[in-house]
Amino acid sequence: DRTIMNNHGYSVEAGESRTGSVSVMLPFR
């Protein structure tokens, strides 16, 4: 996804549909 931020808020635009597992490591809980 693509994220855009400004002083008032933010928007997230969905990326192209994909398949397969997604792995994410959080730096804190």
mmCIF file of all heavy atoms, coordinates in Angstrom:
data_MODEL
# 
_entry.id   MODEL 
# 
loop_
_atom_site.group_PDB 
_atom_site.id 
_atom_site.type_symbol 
_atom_site.label_atom_id 
_atom_site.label_alt_id 
_atom_site.label_comp_id 
_atom_site.label_asym_id 
_atom_site.label_entity_id 
_atom_site.label_seq_id 
_atom_site.pdbx_PDB_ins_code 
_atom_site.Cartn_x 
_atom_site.Cartn_y 
_atom_site.Cartn_z 
_atom_site.occupancy 
_atom_site.B_iso_or_equiv 
_atom_site.pdbx_formal_charge 
_atom_site.auth_seq_id 
_atom_site.auth_comp_id 
_atom_site.auth_asym_id 
_atom_site.auth_atom_id 
_atom_site.pdbx_PDB_model_num 
ATOM 1   N N   . ASP A 1 1  ? 0.839  -1.203  0.000   1.00 0.00 ? 1  ASP A N   1 
ATOM 2   C CA  . ASP A 1 1  ? 0.000  0.000   0.000   1.00 0.00 ? 1  ASP A CA  1 
ATOM 3   C C   . ASP A 1 1  ? 0.875  1.255   0.000   1.00 0.00 ? 1  ASP A C   1 
ATOM 4   O O   . ASP A 1 1  ? 2.047  1.225   0.374   1.00 0.00 ? 1  ASP A O   1 
ATOM 5   C CB  . ASP A 1 1  ? -0.912 0.007   1.232   1.00 0.00 ? 1  ASP A CB  1 
ATOM 6   C CG  . ASP A 1 1  ? -1.793 -1.221  1.313   1.00 0.00 ? 1  ASP A CG  1 
ATOM 7   O OD1 . ASP A 1 1  ? -2.129 -1.784  0.255   1.00 0.00 ? 1  ASP A OD1 1 
ATOM 8   O OD2 . ASP A 1 1  ? -2.143 -1.625  2.440   1.00 0.00 ? 1  ASP A OD2 1 
ATOM 9   N N   . ARG A 1 2  ? 0.266  2.356   -0.391  1.00 0.00 ? 2  ARG A N   1 
ATOM 10  C CA  . ARG A 1 2  ? 0.957  3.649   -0.439  1.00 0.00 ? 2  ARG A CA  1 
ATOM 11  C C   . ARG A 1 2  ? 0.333  4.589   0.578   1.00 0.00 ? 2  ARG A C   1 
ATOM 12  O O   . ARG A 1 2  ? -0.889 4.732   0.635   1.00 0.00 ? 2  ARG A O   1 
ATOM 13  C CB  . ARG A 1 2  ? 0.857  4.240   -1.849  1.00 0.00 ? 2  ARG A CB  1 
ATOM 14  C CG  . ARG A 1 2  ? 1.527  5.600   -2.020  1.00 0.00 ? 2  ARG A CG  1 
ATOM 15  C CD  . ARG A 1 2  ? 1.573  5.954   -3.498  1.00 0.00 ? 2  ARG A CD  1 
ATOM 16  N NE  . ARG A 1 2  ? 2.117  7.295   -3.722  1.00 0.00 ? 2  ARG A NE  1 
ATOM 17  C CZ  . ARG A 1 2  ? 1.385  8.370   -4.010  1.00 0.00 ? 2  ARG A CZ  1 
ATOM 18  N NH1 . ARG A 1 2  ? 0.064  8.251   -4.127  1.00 0.00 ? 2  ARG A NH1 1 
ATOM 19  N NH2 . ARG A 1 2  ? 1.951  9.541   -4.204  1.00 0.00 ? 2  ARG A NH2 1 
ATOM 20  N N   . THR A 1 3  ? 1.167  5.225   1.392   1.00 0.00 ? 3  THR A N   1 
ATOM 21  C CA  . THR A 1 3  ? 0.696  6.111   2.452   1.00 0.00 ? 3  THR A CA  1 
ATOM 22  C C   . THR A 1 3  ? 1.140  7.538   2.174   1.00 0.00 ? 3  THR A C   1 
ATOM 23  O O   . THR A 1 3  ? 2.294  7.775   1.807   1.00 0.00 ? 3  THR A O   1 
ATOM 24  C CB  . THR A 1 3  ? 1.244  5.667   3.823   1.00 0.00 ? 3  THR A CB  1 
ATOM 25  O OG1 . THR A 1 3  ? 0.833  4.325   4.076   1.00 0.00 ? 3  THR A OG1 1 
ATOM 26  C CG2 . THR A 1 3  ? 0.713  6.556   4.927   1.00 0.00 ? 3  THR A CG2 1 
ATOM 27  N N   . ILE A 1 4  ? 0.212  8.480   2.346   1.00 0.00 ? 4  ILE A N   1 
ATOM 28  C CA  . ILE A 1 4  ? 0.505  9.910   2.184   1.00 0.00 ? 4  ILE A CA  1 
ATOM 29  C C   . ILE A 1 4  ? 0.059  10.618  3.457   1.00 0.00 ? 4  ILE A C   1 
ATOM 30  O O   . ILE A 1 4  ? -1.043 10.367  3.966   1.00 0.00 ? 4  ILE A O   1 
ATOM 31  C CB  . ILE A 1 4  ? -0.226 10.496  0.962   1.00 0.00 ? 4  ILE A CB  1 
ATOM 32  C CG1 . ILE A 1 4  ? 0.201  9.759   -0.308  1.00 0.00 ? 4  ILE A CG1 1 
ATOM 33  C CG2 . ILE A 1 4  ? 0.046  11.991  0.842   1.00 0.00 ? 4  ILE A CG2 1 
ATOM 34  C CD1 . ILE A 1 4  ? -0.597 10.177  -1.537  1.00 0.00 ? 4  ILE A CD1 1 
ATOM 35  N N   . MET A 1 5  ? 0.896  11.521  3.977   1.00 0.00 ? 5  MET A N   1 
ATOM 36  C CA  . MET A 1 5  ? 0.594  12.237  5.218   1.00 0.00 ? 5  MET A CA  1 
ATOM 37  C C   . MET A 1 5  ? 0.654  13.735  4.988   1.00 0.00 ? 5  MET A C   1 
ATOM 38  O O   . MET A 1 5  ? 1.434  14.212  4.157   1.00 0.00 ? 5  MET A O   1 
ATOM 39  C CB  . MET A 1 5  ? 1.596  11.852  6.305   1.00 0.00 ? 5  MET A CB  1 
ATOM 40  C CG  . MET A 1 5  ? 1.499  10.418  6.766   1.00 0.00 ? 5  MET A CG  1 
ATOM 41  S SD  . MET A 1 5  ? 2.980  9.898   7.667   1.00 0.00 ? 5  MET A SD  1 
ATOM 42  C CE  . MET A 1 5  ? 4.041  9.405   6.298   1.00 0.00 ? 5  MET A CE  1 
ATOM 43  N N   . ASN A 1 6  ? -0.169 14.472  5.737   1.00 0.00 ? 6  ASN A N   1 
ATOM 44  C CA  . ASN A 1 6  ? -0.078 15.932  5.757   1.00 0.00 ? 6  ASN A CA  1 
ATOM 45  C C   . ASN A 1 6  ? -0.469 16.416  7.151   1.00 0.00 ? 6  ASN A C   1 
ATOM 46  O O   . ASN A 1 6  ? -0.670 15.610  8.072   1.00 0.00 ? 6  ASN A O   1 
ATOM 47  C CB  . ASN A 1 6  ? -0.955 16.564  4.668   1.00 0.00 ? 6  ASN A CB  1 
ATOM 48  C CG  . ASN A 1 6  ? -2.421 16.167  4.792   1.00 0.00 ? 6  ASN A CG  1 
ATOM 49  O OD1 . ASN A 1 6  ? -2.967 16.114  5.897   1.00 0.00 ? 6  ASN A OD1 1 
ATOM 50  N ND2 . ASN A 1 6  ? -3.066 15.898  3.668   1.00 0.00 ? 6  ASN A ND2 1 
ATOM 51  N N   . ASN A 1 7  ? -0.581 17.706  7.327   1.00 0.00 ? 7  ASN A N   1 
ATOM 52  C CA  . ASN A 1 7  ? -0.877 18.247  8.654   1.00 0.00 ? 7  ASN A CA  1 
ATOM 53  C C   . ASN A 1 7  ? -2.256 17.856  9.171   1.00 0.00 ? 7  ASN A C   1 
ATOM 54  O O   . ASN A 1 7  ? -2.497 17.853  10.379  1.00 0.00 ? 7  ASN A O   1 
ATOM 55  C CB  . ASN A 1 7  ? -0.759 19.776  8.638   1.00 0.00 ? 7  ASN A CB  1 
ATOM 56  C CG  . ASN A 1 7  ? 0.672  20.237  8.447   1.00 0.00 ? 7  ASN A CG  1 
ATOM 57  O OD1 . ASN A 1 7  ? 1.604  19.508  8.763   1.00 0.00 ? 7  ASN A OD1 1 
ATOM 58  N ND2 . ASN A 1 7  ? 0.845  21.443  7.926   1.00 0.00 ? 7  ASN A ND2 1 
ATOM 59  N N   . HIS A 1 8  ? -3.165 17.559  8.273   1.00 0.00 ? 8  HIS A N   1 
ATOM 60  C CA  . HIS A 1 8  ? -4.551 17.298  8.673   1.00 0.00 ? 8  HIS A CA  1 
ATOM 61  C C   . HIS A 1 8  ? -4.842 15.818  8.903   1.00 0.00 ? 8  HIS A C   1 
ATOM 62  O O   . HIS A 1 8  ? -5.781 15.471  9.608   1.00 0.00 ? 8  HIS A O   1 
ATOM 63  C CB  . HIS A 1 8  ? -5.509 17.841  7.622   1.00 0.00 ? 8  HIS A CB  1 
ATOM 64  C CG  . HIS A 1 8  ? -5.320 19.309  7.341   1.00 0.00 ? 8  HIS A CG  1 
ATOM 65  N ND1 . HIS A 1 8  ? -5.637 20.280  8.253   1.00 0.00 ? 8  HIS A ND1 1 
ATOM 66  C CD2 . HIS A 1 8  ? -4.805 19.948  6.253   1.00 0.00 ? 8  HIS A CD2 1 
ATOM 67  C CE1 . HIS A 1 8  ? -5.343 21.477  7.757   1.00 0.00 ? 8  HIS A CE1 1 
ATOM 68  N NE2 . HIS A 1 8  ? -4.840 21.301  6.546   1.00 0.00 ? 8  HIS A NE2 1 
ATOM 69  N N   . GLY A 1 9  ? -4.051 14.954  8.285   1.00 0.00 ? 9  GLY A N   1 
ATOM 70  C CA  . GLY A 1 9  ? -4.327 13.533  8.421   1.00 0.00 ? 9  GLY A CA  1 
ATOM 71  C C   . GLY A 1 9  ? -3.482 12.717  7.482   1.00 0.00 ? 9  GLY A C   1 
ATOM 72  O O   . GLY A 1 9  ? -2.366 13.102  7.120   1.00 0.00 ? 9  GLY A O   1 
ATOM 73  N N   . TYR A 1 10 ? -4.027 11.600  7.041   1.00 0.00 ? 10 TYR A N   1 
ATOM 74  C CA  . TYR A 1 10 ? -3.268 10.682  6.207   1.00 0.00 ? 10 TYR A CA  1 
ATOM 75  C C   . TYR A 1 10 ? -4.218 9.922   5.295   1.00 0.00 ? 10 TYR A C   1 
ATOM 76  O O   . TYR A 1 10 ? -5.436 9.861   5.524   1.00 0.00 ? 10 TYR A O   1 
ATOM 77  C CB  . TYR A 1 10 ? -2.479 9.697   7.076   1.00 0.00 ? 10 TYR A CB  1 
ATOM 78  C CG  . TYR A 1 10 ? -3.364 8.819   7.949   1.00 0.00 ? 10 TYR A CG  1 
ATOM 79  C CD1 . TYR A 1 10 ? -3.720 7.535   7.558   1.00 0.00 ? 10 TYR A CD1 1 
ATOM 80  C CD2 . TYR A 1 10 ? -3.851 9.280   9.174   1.00 0.00 ? 10 TYR A CD2 1 
ATOM 81  C CE1 . TYR A 1 10 ? -4.527 6.742   8.348   1.00 0.00 ? 10 TYR A CE1 1 
ATOM 82  C CE2 . TYR A 1 10 ? -4.658 8.497   9.973   1.00 0.00 ? 10 TYR A CE2 1 
ATOM 83  C CZ  . TYR A 1 10 ? -4.996 7.217   9.556   1.00 0.00 ? 10 TYR A CZ  1 
ATOM 84  O OH  . TYR A 1 10 ? -5.812 6.433   10.340  1.00 0.00 ? 10 TYR A OH  1 
ATOM 85  N N   . SER A 1 11 ? -3.645 9.347   4.245   1.00 0.00 ? 11 SER A N   1 
ATOM 86  C CA  . SER A 1 11 ? -4.417 8.482   3.359   1.00 0.00 ? 11 SER A CA  1 
ATOM 87  C C   . SER A 1 11 ? -3.587 7.250   3.044   1.00 0.00 ? 11 SER A C   1 
ATOM 88  O O   . SER A 1 11 ? -2.359 7.306   2.992   1.00 0.00 ? 11 SER A O   1 
ATOM 89  C CB  . SER A 1 11 ? -4.809 9.201   2.067   1.00 0.00 ? 11 SER A CB  1 
ATOM 90  O OG  . SER A 1 11 ? -3.654 9.523   1.301   1.00 0.00 ? 11 SER A OG  1 
ATOM 91  N N   . VAL A 1 12 ? -4.275 6.148   2.882   1.00 0.00 ? 12 VAL A N   1 
ATOM 92  C CA  . VAL A 1 12 ? -3.636 4.890   2.499   1.00 0.00 ? 12 VAL A CA  1 
ATOM 93  C C   . VAL A 1 12 ? -4.338 4.393   1.250   1.00 0.00 ? 12 VAL A C   1 
ATOM 94  O O   . VAL A 1 12 ? -5.555 4.253   1.226   1.00 0.00 ? 12 VAL A O   1 
ATOM 95  C CB  . VAL A 1 12 ? -3.743 3.841   3.626   1.00 0.00 ? 12 VAL A CB  1 
ATOM 96  C CG1 . VAL A 1 12 ? -3.036 2.548   3.219   1.00 0.00 ? 12 VAL A CG1 1 
ATOM 97  C CG2 . VAL A 1 12 ? -3.161 4.382   4.925   1.00 0.00 ? 12 VAL A CG2 1 
ATOM 98  N N   . GLU A 1 13 ? -3.561 4.137   0.203   1.00 0.00 ? 13 GLU A N   1 
ATOM 99  C CA  . GLU A 1 13 ? -4.104 3.610   -1.048  1.00 0.00 ? 13 GLU A CA  1 
ATOM 100 C C   . GLU A 1 13 ? -3.679 2.164   -1.204  1.00 0.00 ? 13 GLU A C   1 
ATOM 101 O O   . GLU A 1 13 ? -2.497 1.835   -1.076  1.00 0.00 ? 13 GLU A O   1 
ATOM 102 C CB  . GLU A 1 13 ? -3.604 4.441   -2.232  1.00 0.00 ? 13 GLU A CB  1 
ATOM 103 C CG  . GLU A 1 13 ? -4.099 5.871   -2.212  1.00 0.00 ? 13 GLU A CG  1 
ATOM 104 C CD  . GLU A 1 13 ? -3.634 6.652   -3.429  1.00 0.00 ? 13 GLU A CD  1 
ATOM 105 O OE1 . GLU A 1 13 ? -2.996 6.037   -4.304  1.00 0.00 ? 13 GLU A OE1 1 
ATOM 106 O OE2 . GLU A 1 13 ? -3.926 7.861   -3.496  1.00 0.00 ? 13 GLU A OE2 1 
ATOM 107 N N   . ALA A 1 14 ? -4.652 1.296   -1.481  1.00 0.00 ? 14 ALA A N   1 
ATOM 108 C CA  . ALA A 1 14 ? -4.378 -0.135  -1.582  1.00 0.00 ? 14 ALA A CA  1 
ATOM 109 C C   . ALA A 1 14 ? -3.475 -0.421  -2.766  1.00 0.00 ? 14 ALA A C   1 
ATOM 110 O O   . ALA A 1 14 ? -3.666 0.113   -3.870  1.00 0.00 ? 14 ALA A O   1 
ATOM 111 C CB  . ALA A 1 14 ? -5.684 -0.907  -1.705  1.00 0.00 ? 14 ALA A CB  1 
ATOM 112 N N   . GLY A 1 15 ? -2.474 -1.270  -2.540  1.00 0.00 ? 15 GLY A N   1 
ATOM 113 C CA  . GLY A 1 15 ? -1.608 -1.698  -3.624  1.00 0.00 ? 15 GLY A CA  1 
ATOM 114 C C   . GLY A 1 15 ? -2.286 -2.753  -4.482  1.00 0.00 ? 15 GLY A C   1 
ATOM 115 O O   . GLY A 1 15 ? -3.416 -3.174  -4.230  1.00 0.00 ? 15 GLY A O   1 
ATOM 116 N N   . GLU A 1 16 ? -1.583 -3.199  -5.511  1.00 0.00 ? 16 GLU A N   1 
ATOM 117 C CA  . GLU A 1 16 ? -2.123 -4.231  -6.389  1.00 0.00 ? 16 GLU A CA  1 
ATOM 118 C C   . GLU A 1 16 ? -2.325 -5.528  -5.610  1.00 0.00 ? 16 GLU A C   1 
ATOM 119 O O   . GLU A 1 16 ? -1.559 -5.859  -4.712  1.00 0.00 ? 16 GLU A O   1 
ATOM 120 C CB  . GLU A 1 16 ? -1.166 -4.480  -7.554  1.00 0.00 ? 16 GLU A CB  1 
ATOM 121 C CG  . GLU A 1 16 ? -1.017 -3.289  -8.491  1.00 0.00 ? 16 GLU A CG  1 
ATOM 122 C CD  . GLU A 1 16 ? -0.101 -3.612  -9.652  1.00 0.00 ? 16 GLU A CD  1 
ATOM 123 O OE1 . GLU A 1 16 ? 0.342  -4.785  -9.743  1.00 0.00 ? 16 GLU A OE1 1 
ATOM 124 O OE2 . GLU A 1 16 ? 0.176  -2.702  -10.455 1.00 0.00 ? 16 GLU A OE2 1 
ATOM 125 N N   . SER A 1 17 ? -3.383 -6.229  -5.987  1.00 0.00 ? 17 SER A N   1 
ATOM 126 C CA  . SER A 1 17 ? -3.697 -7.481  -5.308  1.00 0.00 ? 17 SER A CA  1 
ATOM 127 C C   . SER A 1 17 ? -2.580 -8.496  -5.538  1.00 0.00 ? 17 SER A C   1 
ATOM 128 O O   . SER A 1 17 ? -2.110 -8.686  -6.658  1.00 0.00 ? 17 SER A O   1 
ATOM 129 C CB  . SER A 1 17 ? -5.020 -8.034  -5.830  1.00 0.00 ? 17 SER A CB  1 
ATOM 130 O OG  . SER A 1 17 ? -5.331 -9.251  -5.208  1.00 0.00 ? 17 SER A OG  1 
ATOM 131 N N   . ARG A 1 18 ? -2.136 -9.110  -4.446  1.00 0.00 ? 18 ARG A N   1 
ATOM 132 C CA  . ARG A 1 18 ? -1.066 -10.099 -4.520  1.00 0.00 ? 18 ARG A CA  1 
ATOM 133 C C   . ARG A 1 18 ? -1.468 -11.352 -3.760  1.00 0.00 ? 18 ARG A C   1 
ATOM 134 O O   . ARG A 1 18 ? -2.457 -11.374 -3.028  1.00 0.00 ? 18 ARG A O   1 
ATOM 135 C CB  . ARG A 1 18 ? 0.232  -9.532  -3.920  1.00 0.00 ? 18 ARG A CB  1 
ATOM 136 C CG  . ARG A 1 18 ? 0.735  -8.268  -4.608  1.00 0.00 ? 18 ARG A CG  1 
ATOM 137 C CD  . ARG A 1 18 ? 1.969  -7.743  -3.895  1.00 0.00 ? 18 ARG A CD  1 
ATOM 138 N NE  . ARG A 1 18 ? 2.420  -6.463  -4.433  1.00 0.00 ? 18 ARG A NE  1 
ATOM 139 C CZ  . ARG A 1 18 ? 3.433  -5.763  -3.941  1.00 0.00 ? 18 ARG A CZ  1 
ATOM 140 N NH1 . ARG A 1 18 ? 4.093  -6.216  -2.886  1.00 0.00 ? 18 ARG A NH1 1 
ATOM 141 N NH2 . ARG A 1 18 ? 3.777  -4.614  -4.491  1.00 0.00 ? 18 ARG A NH2 1 
ATOM 142 N N   . THR A 1 19 ? -0.680 -12.410 -3.925  1.00 0.00 ? 19 THR A N   1 
ATOM 143 C CA  . THR A 1 19 ? -0.900 -13.646 -3.197  1.00 0.00 ? 19 THR A CA  1 
ATOM 144 C C   . THR A 1 19 ? 0.368  -13.965 -2.399  1.00 0.00 ? 19 THR A C   1 
ATOM 145 O O   . THR A 1 19 ? 1.378  -13.291 -2.532  1.00 0.00 ? 19 THR A O   1 
ATOM 146 C CB  . THR A 1 19 ? -1.224 -14.806 -4.147  1.00 0.00 ? 19 THR A CB  1 
ATOM 147 O OG1 . THR A 1 19 ? -0.129 -14.971 -5.065  1.00 0.00 ? 19 THR A OG1 1 
ATOM 148 C CG2 . THR A 1 19 ? -2.499 -14.529 -4.927  1.00 0.00 ? 19 THR A CG2 1 
ATOM 149 N N   . GLY A 1 20 ? 0.281  -14.988 -1.596  1.00 0.00 ? 20 GLY A N   1 
ATOM 150 C CA  . GLY A 1 20 ? 1.445  -15.402 -0.821  1.00 0.00 ? 20 GLY A CA  1 
ATOM 151 C C   . GLY A 1 20 ? 1.463  -14.793 0.561   1.00 0.00 ? 20 GLY A C   1 
ATOM 152 O O   . GLY A 1 20 ? 0.747  -13.837 0.869   1.00 0.00 ? 20 GLY A O   1 
ATOM 153 N N   . SER A 1 21 ? 2.320  -15.332 1.413   1.00 0.00 ? 21 SER A N   1 
ATOM 154 C CA  . SER A 1 21 ? 2.417  -14.916 2.791   1.00 0.00 ? 21 SER A CA  1 
ATOM 155 C C   . SER A 1 21 ? 3.098  -13.556 2.917   1.00 0.00 ? 21 SER A C   1 
ATOM 156 O O   . SER A 1 21 ? 3.964  -13.200 2.114   1.00 0.00 ? 21 SER A O   1 
ATOM 157 C CB  . SER A 1 21 ? 3.187  -15.964 3.593   1.00 0.00 ? 21 SER A CB  1 
ATOM 158 O OG  . SER A 1 21 ? 3.306  -15.589 4.937   1.00 0.00 ? 21 SER A OG  1 
ATOM 159 N N   . VAL A 1 22 ? 2.698  -12.799 3.930   1.00 0.00 ? 22 VAL A N   1 
ATOM 160 C CA  . VAL A 1 22 ? 3.313  -11.510 4.247   1.00 0.00 ? 22 VAL A CA  1 
ATOM 161 C C   . VAL A 1 22 ? 4.010  -11.642 5.597   1.00 0.00 ? 22 VAL A C   1 
ATOM 162 O O   . VAL A 1 22 ? 3.415  -12.142 6.561   1.00 0.00 ? 22 VAL A O   1 
ATOM 163 C CB  . VAL A 1 22 ? 2.262  -10.387 4.310   1.00 0.00 ? 22 VAL A CB  1 
ATOM 164 C CG1 . VAL A 1 22 ? 2.916  -9.060  4.695   1.00 0.00 ? 22 VAL A CG1 1 
ATOM 165 C CG2 . VAL A 1 22 ? 1.550  -10.252 2.971   1.00 0.00 ? 22 VAL A CG2 1 
ATOM 166 N N   . SER A 1 23 ? 5.255  -11.201 5.663   1.00 0.00 ? 23 SER A N   1 
ATOM 167 C CA  . SER A 1 23 ? 6.018  -11.236 6.910   1.00 0.00 ? 23 SER A CA  1 
ATOM 168 C C   . SER A 1 23 ? 6.367  -9.821  7.335   1.00 0.00 ? 23 SER A C   1 
ATOM 169 O O   . SER A 1 23 ? 6.858  -9.030  6.528   1.00 0.00 ? 23 SER A O   1 
ATOM 170 C CB  . SER A 1 23 ? 7.302  -12.061 6.746   1.00 0.00 ? 23 SER A CB  1 
ATOM 171 O OG  . SER A 1 23 ? 7.005  -13.418 6.479   1.00 0.00 ? 23 SER A OG  1 
ATOM 172 N N   . VAL A 1 24 ? 6.097  -9.505  8.591   1.00 0.00 ? 24 VAL A N   1 
ATOM 173 C CA  . VAL A 1 24 ? 6.376  -8.181  9.150   1.00 0.00 ? 24 VAL A CA  1 
ATOM 174 C C   . VAL A 1 24 ? 7.014  -8.380  10.519  1.00 0.00 ? 24 VAL A C   1 
ATOM 175 O O   . VAL A 1 24 ? 6.542  -9.209  11.316  1.00 0.00 ? 24 VAL A O   1 
ATOM 176 C CB  . VAL A 1 24 ? 5.105  -7.329  9.293   1.00 0.00 ? 24 VAL A CB  1 
ATOM 177 C CG1 . VAL A 1 24 ? 5.431  -5.956  9.869   1.00 0.00 ? 24 VAL A CG1 1 
ATOM 178 C CG2 . VAL A 1 24 ? 4.380  -7.196  7.956   1.00 0.00 ? 24 VAL A CG2 1 
ATOM 179 N N   . MET A 1 25 ? 8.062  -7.620  10.798  1.00 0.00 ? 25 MET A N   1 
ATOM 180 C CA  . MET A 1 25 ? 8.672  -7.634  12.130  1.00 0.00 ? 25 MET A CA  1 
ATOM 181 C C   . MET A 1 25 ? 8.448  -6.273  12.777  1.00 0.00 ? 25 MET A C   1 
ATOM 182 O O   . MET A 1 25 ? 8.880  -5.247  12.244  1.00 0.00 ? 25 MET A O   1 
ATOM 183 C CB  . MET A 1 25 ? 10.169 -7.916  12.041  1.00 0.00 ? 25 MET A CB  1 
ATOM 184 C CG  . MET A 1 25 ? 10.916 -7.761  13.370  1.00 0.00 ? 25 MET A CG  1 
ATOM 185 S SD  . MET A 1 25 ? 10.369 -8.916  14.666  1.00 0.00 ? 25 MET A SD  1 
ATOM 186 C CE  . MET A 1 25 ? 11.088 -10.445 14.039  1.00 0.00 ? 25 MET A CE  1 
ATOM 187 N N   . LEU A 1 26 ? 7.753  -6.254  13.912  1.00 0.00 ? 26 LEU A N   1 
ATOM 188 C CA  . LEU A 1 26 ? 7.527  -5.002  14.625  1.00 0.00 ? 26 LEU A CA  1 
ATOM 189 C C   . LEU A 1 26 ? 8.730  -4.689  15.516  1.00 0.00 ? 26 LEU A C   1 
ATOM 190 O O   . LEU A 1 26 ? 9.255  -5.577  16.179  1.00 0.00 ? 26 LEU A O   1 
ATOM 191 C CB  . LEU A 1 26 ? 6.269  -5.095  15.487  1.00 0.00 ? 26 LEU A CB  1 
ATOM 192 C CG  . LEU A 1 26 ? 4.938  -5.280  14.754  1.00 0.00 ? 26 LEU A CG  1 
ATOM 193 C CD1 . LEU A 1 26 ? 3.793  -5.373  15.759  1.00 0.00 ? 26 LEU A CD1 1 
ATOM 194 C CD2 . LEU A 1 26 ? 4.685  -4.159  13.755  1.00 0.00 ? 26 LEU A CD2 1 
ATOM 195 N N   . PRO A 1 27 ? 9.167  -3.431  15.569  1.00 0.00 ? 27 PRO A N   1 
ATOM 196 C CA  . PRO A 1 27 ? 10.288 -3.072  16.440  1.00 0.00 ? 27 PRO A CA  1 
ATOM 197 C C   . PRO A 1 27 ? 9.922  -3.078  17.919  1.00 0.00 ? 27 PRO A C   1 
ATOM 198 O O   . PRO A 1 27 ? 10.788 -3.185  18.772  1.00 0.00 ? 27 PRO A O   1 
ATOM 199 C CB  . PRO A 1 27 ? 10.670 -1.678  15.958  1.00 0.00 ? 27 PRO A CB  1 
ATOM 200 C CG  . PRO A 1 27 ? 9.427  -1.129  15.356  1.00 0.00 ? 27 PRO A CG  1 
ATOM 201 C CD  . PRO A 1 27 ? 8.714  -2.301  14.749  1.00 0.00 ? 27 PRO A CD  1 
ATOM 202 N N   . PHE A 1 28 ? 8.631  -2.930  18.221  1.00 0.00 ? 28 PHE A N   1 
ATOM 203 C CA  . PHE A 1 28 ? 8.141  -3.051  19.591  1.00 0.00 ? 28 PHE A CA  1 
ATOM 204 C C   . PHE A 1 28 ? 6.706  -3.548  19.528  1.00 0.00 ? 28 PHE A C   1 
ATOM 205 O O   . PHE A 1 28 ? 6.081  -3.558  18.468  1.00 0.00 ? 28 PHE A O   1 
ATOM 206 C CB  . PHE A 1 28 ? 8.227  -1.722  20.354  1.00 0.00 ? 28 PHE A CB  1 
ATOM 207 C CG  . PHE A 1 28 ? 7.411  -0.607  19.761  1.00 0.00 ? 28 PHE A CG  1 
ATOM 208 C CD1 . PHE A 1 28 ? 6.118  -0.378  20.187  1.00 0.00 ? 28 PHE A CD1 1 
ATOM 209 C CD2 . PHE A 1 28 ? 7.951  0.222   18.779  1.00 0.00 ? 28 PHE A CD2 1 
ATOM 210 C CE1 . PHE A 1 28 ? 5.354  0.647   19.650  1.00 0.00 ? 28 PHE A CE1 1 
ATOM 211 C CE2 . PHE A 1 28 ? 7.195  1.248   18.231  1.00 0.00 ? 28 PHE A CE2 1 
ATOM 212 C CZ  . PHE A 1 28 ? 5.900  1.468   18.669  1.00 0.00 ? 28 PHE A CZ  1 
ATOM 213 N N   . ARG A 1 29 ? 6.184  -3.969  20.658  1.00 0.00 ? 29 ARG A N   1 
ATOM 214 C CA  . ARG A 1 29 ? 4.890  -4.670  20.681  1.00 0.00 ? 29 ARG A CA  1 
ATOM 215 C C   . ARG A 1 29 ? 3.715  -3.690  20.648  1.00 0.00 ? 29 ARG A C   1 
ATOM 216 O O   . ARG A 1 29 ? 2.989  -3.523  21.633  1.00 0.00 ? 29 ARG A O   1 
ATOM 217 C CB  . ARG A 1 29 ? 4.811  -5.578  21.904  1.00 0.00 ? 29 ARG A CB  1 
ATOM 218 C CG  . ARG A 1 29 ? 5.890  -6.640  21.937  1.00 0.00 ? 29 ARG A CG  1 
ATOM 219 C CD  . ARG A 1 29 ? 5.731  -7.577  23.129  1.00 0.00 ? 29 ARG A CD  1 
ATOM 220 N NE  . ARG A 1 29 ? 6.869  -8.475  23.257  1.00 0.00 ? 29 ARG A NE  1 
ATOM 221 C CZ  . ARG A 1 29 ? 7.020  -9.612  22.572  1.00 0.00 ? 29 ARG A CZ  1 
ATOM 222 N NH1 . ARG A 1 29 ? 6.080  -9.971  21.705  1.00 0.00 ? 29 ARG A NH1 1 
ATOM 223 N NH2 . ARG A 1 29 ? 8.076  -10.376 22.735  1.00 0.00 ? 29 ARG A NH2 1 
# 
